[in-house]
Structure formats: C-alpha cells, structure tokens
Amino acid sequence: MAMGSGDEQAGTRSERQTYRRRRLMDISRLLPVLGALLLALPLLWPEASSHPAARGGVSMSAAIIYVFAVWIGLIAACFVFSLAVQRWADHWTGGPDEASGAEDG
C-alpha cells in the first residue's frame, strides 16, 4: 500500500510540473499582447494643444517618456521571465549539475 501512495505523489508532482509549464506558456503568450496594449495606450490620450477645447491634454514629451518607460519595463520583464524559465527548466530536467556529473562518470 505504501507503494501506491508513492505513485500518487509522483503523479501529483508531475501534474504540478505540467501546470507550471502551462502557466509559463501562458505568460509567454501574454507578454507581447500586454506590451502592444501598453505601447498603444498613448494613442488614446488627448493631445496638448493651444486649442481651447483641448483641456488637460498630455504633452508629446510625456508620451515619449511613457513609451520608453514601457519599453524598458518590457525588457526587464523578458529578462526576469527568461531567468525563471531557465531556473525551472533546470529543475524539471534535473539541472546542469546532474548532466555534468553524468559526463564525468
């Protein structure tokens, strides 16, 4: 009976790994869409002009700063995501330590 509980734990571990892989795939699909939406957001902002009807508009310099801030944020998010994927991939496959140990032996 103890053997059956070990099989259940192995199945649960496998299910968790599959779940994590799917979440990583979801993040990888969502990041470009989020970036496109954030970069398109300034198109909805009212322009700051000398026209009396355009009150409270956003200046072009503020929009440019926003675009570069989003761009830098997306680069940082991709970097963090790549580190997480590398760490989790090493964990799923047994890591680089076990692979190098197999080559030595």
Protein backbone atom coordinates (compact mmCIF):
# COMPACT_ATOMS: atom_id res chain seq x y z
CA MET A 1 0.00 0.00 0.00
CA ALA A 2 2.92 2.32 0.63
CA MET A 3 3.91 1.80 -2.99
CA GLY A 4 0.53 3.11 -4.17
CA SER A 5 0.90 6.32 -2.15
CA GLY A 6 4.35 6.88 -3.71
CA ASP A 7 2.80 6.57 -7.17
CA GLU A 8 0.17 9.12 -6.21
CA GLN A 9 2.85 11.55 -5.03
CA ALA A 10 4.79 11.10 -8.26
CA GLY A 11 1.59 11.73 -10.20
CA THR A 12 0.88 14.88 -8.17
CA ARG A 13 4.43 16.14 -8.76
CA SER A 14 4.05 15.51 -12.49
CA GLU A 15 0.72 17.33 -12.50
CA ARG A 16 2.30 20.33 -10.74
CA GLN A 17 5.13 20.44 -13.27
CA THR A 18 2.64 20.29 -16.14
CA TYR A 19 0.63 23.08 -14.53
CA ARG A 20 3.75 25.25 -14.16
CA ARG A 21 4.76 24.63 -17.76
CA ARG A 22 1.32 25.70 -18.93
CA ARG A 23 1.49 28.86 -16.82
CA LEU A 24 4.88 29.69 -18.34
CA MET A 25 3.42 29.21 -21.80
CA ASP A 26 0.53 31.49 -20.84
CA ILE A 27 2.95 34.18 -19.66
CA SER A 28 4.98 33.88 -22.84
CA ARG A 29 1.82 34.42 -24.89
CA LEU A 30 0.53 37.25 -22.73
CA LEU A 31 3.68 39.40 -22.56
CA PRO A 32 3.66 40.58 -26.22
CA VAL A 33 -0.06 41.35 -26.05
CA LEU A 34 0.41 43.32 -22.84
CA GLY A 35 3.33 45.19 -24.42
CA ALA A 36 1.31 46.09 -27.51
CA LEU A 37 -1.56 47.36 -25.39
CA LEU A 38 0.72 49.44 -23.17
CA LEU A 39 2.55 50.90 -26.18
CA ALA A 40 -0.74 51.74 -27.92
CA LEU A 41 -2.18 53.47 -24.85
CA PRO A 42 -0.76 56.93 -25.70
CA LEU A 43 -2.84 56.87 -28.90
CA LEU A 44 -5.91 57.28 -26.69
CA TRP A 45 -4.54 60.25 -24.76
CA PRO A 46 -5.78 63.70 -25.74
CA GLU A 47 -3.16 65.95 -27.29
CA ALA A 48 -1.97 69.07 -25.53
CA SER A 49 -2.54 71.91 -27.96
CA SER A 50 -3.37 75.57 -27.91
CA HIS A 51 -6.98 74.83 -28.86
CA PRO A 52 -9.37 75.87 -26.07
CA ALA A 53 -11.35 72.62 -26.30
CA ALA A 54 -8.23 70.50 -25.60
CA ARG A 55 -8.04 70.85 -21.84
CA GLY A 56 -5.75 68.66 -19.79
CA GLY A 57 -4.01 67.08 -22.74
CA VAL A 58 -0.77 65.12 -22.47
CA SER A 59 2.36 66.66 -23.91
CA MET A 60 4.40 64.84 -26.52
CA SER A 61 7.41 64.70 -24.22
CA ALA A 62 5.36 62.95 -21.52
CA ALA A 63 4.11 60.44 -24.10
CA ILE A 64 7.66 59.74 -25.30
CA ILE A 65 8.86 59.23 -21.73
CA TYR A 66 5.95 56.83 -21.15
CA VAL A 67 6.79 54.82 -24.30
CA PHE A 68 10.45 54.47 -23.29
CA ALA A 69 9.48 53.53 -19.73
CA VAL A 70 7.17 50.80 -21.05
CA TRP A 71 9.91 49.63 -23.42
CA ILE A 72 12.43 49.36 -20.57
CA GLY A 73 9.81 47.64 -18.41
CA LEU A 74 9.14 45.05 -21.12
CA ILE A 75 12.86 44.37 -21.50
CA ALA A 76 13.14 43.88 -17.72
CA ALA A 77 10.07 41.61 -17.68
CA CYS A 78 11.51 39.48 -20.50
CA PHE A 79 14.83 39.22 -18.65
CA VAL A 80 13.14 38.12 -15.42
CA PHE A 81 10.93 35.71 -17.35
CA SER A 82 13.95 34.17 -19.10
CA LEU A 83 15.73 33.66 -15.76
CA ALA A 84 12.62 32.00 -14.33
CA VAL A 85 12.27 29.73 -17.34
CA GLN A 86 15.93 28.74 -17.15
CA ARG A 87 15.69 28.00 -13.43
CA TRP A 88 12.50 25.99 -13.79
CA ALA A 89 13.83 24.14 -16.84
CA ASP A 90 16.93 23.13 -14.89
CA HIS A 91 14.70 21.92 -12.07
CA TRP A 92 12.45 19.94 -14.43
CA THR A 93 15.26 18.27 -16.33
CA GLY A 94 17.40 17.56 -13.30
CA GLY A 95 19.64 20.59 -13.64
CA PRO A 96 23.06 21.15 -15.17
CA ASP A 97 24.81 19.57 -12.17
CA GLU A 98 23.39 16.13 -12.91
CA ALA A 99 24.16 16.44 -16.62
CA SER A 100 27.81 17.33 -15.94
CA GLY A 101 28.05 14.52 -13.39
CA ALA A 102 26.84 12.03 -15.99
CA GLU A 103 29.54 13.15 -18.43
CA ASP A 104 32.30 12.79 -15.83
CA GLY A 105 31.30 9.24 -14.88
